[in-house]
Amino acid sequence: MKQGTMLVEPPPSPWNKGQLFSSASIEWGTPDDFFDRLSEEFGGFGLDACASEKNARCAKYIDQEQDSLSTEWTGGDSLMVWMNPPWGRQIGLFLRRAHEQSQRHGLTVVCLIPASTDTVYWRDWVWKAEEVRLVTGRLYFVRDDGHTGPATKGAAVVIYRPRWTLDRPSNVTLMGARP
């Protein structure tokens, strides 16, 4: 750098206001088109296992107060469960719960998670799923106030089915972020 040259920081991006899509913000609403494609493929979901009143994708949902880590995932009209858990440090607990509830209640649980293949949760819980779909392209998530923006990392769809035995490897495929 030349003597006397001053570095000026760029103005803050409106996308980062309030840490919209960083690890400080772990609750990201599922994009409509992405959810709709999966819902159609699986014949509709009867339960959203990680939702708020504003971002629930199903009539029956489990919110933070009800706590999907301690509530049994039963009572829906469908054996299909949607889960877009908080994308924070506790995500492994949610994946463990999805696997357990799938086996205990005969549920198919479809999870949208960050594609962080180098993490302990990926090693311990993602590879126990019957199917893993790595999403190509970036998803654009939705905040409760309606703002949207790109995820900070890639995503994956992890599918737990009730009678999947762990002695078989997971099926890994690719799916596009947009149709």
Foldseek 3Di string as FASTA:
>chain_A
DDPPDDDDDDPDDPCCVVHNADQSFQDWAADPQQVVVVCVVVVHAFEEEEDDPLRDPHPHYQYVVNPSLPDQPDDTPDLEYEYAHGQHPCVLSVLVSQQVNQQVPQHKYKYKYFPPCPDPSCVPGQFQAQEKEWEPDWAWTADSVGDIDTHPGTMMITIHGHPRDSVDTHHYYYDYNHD
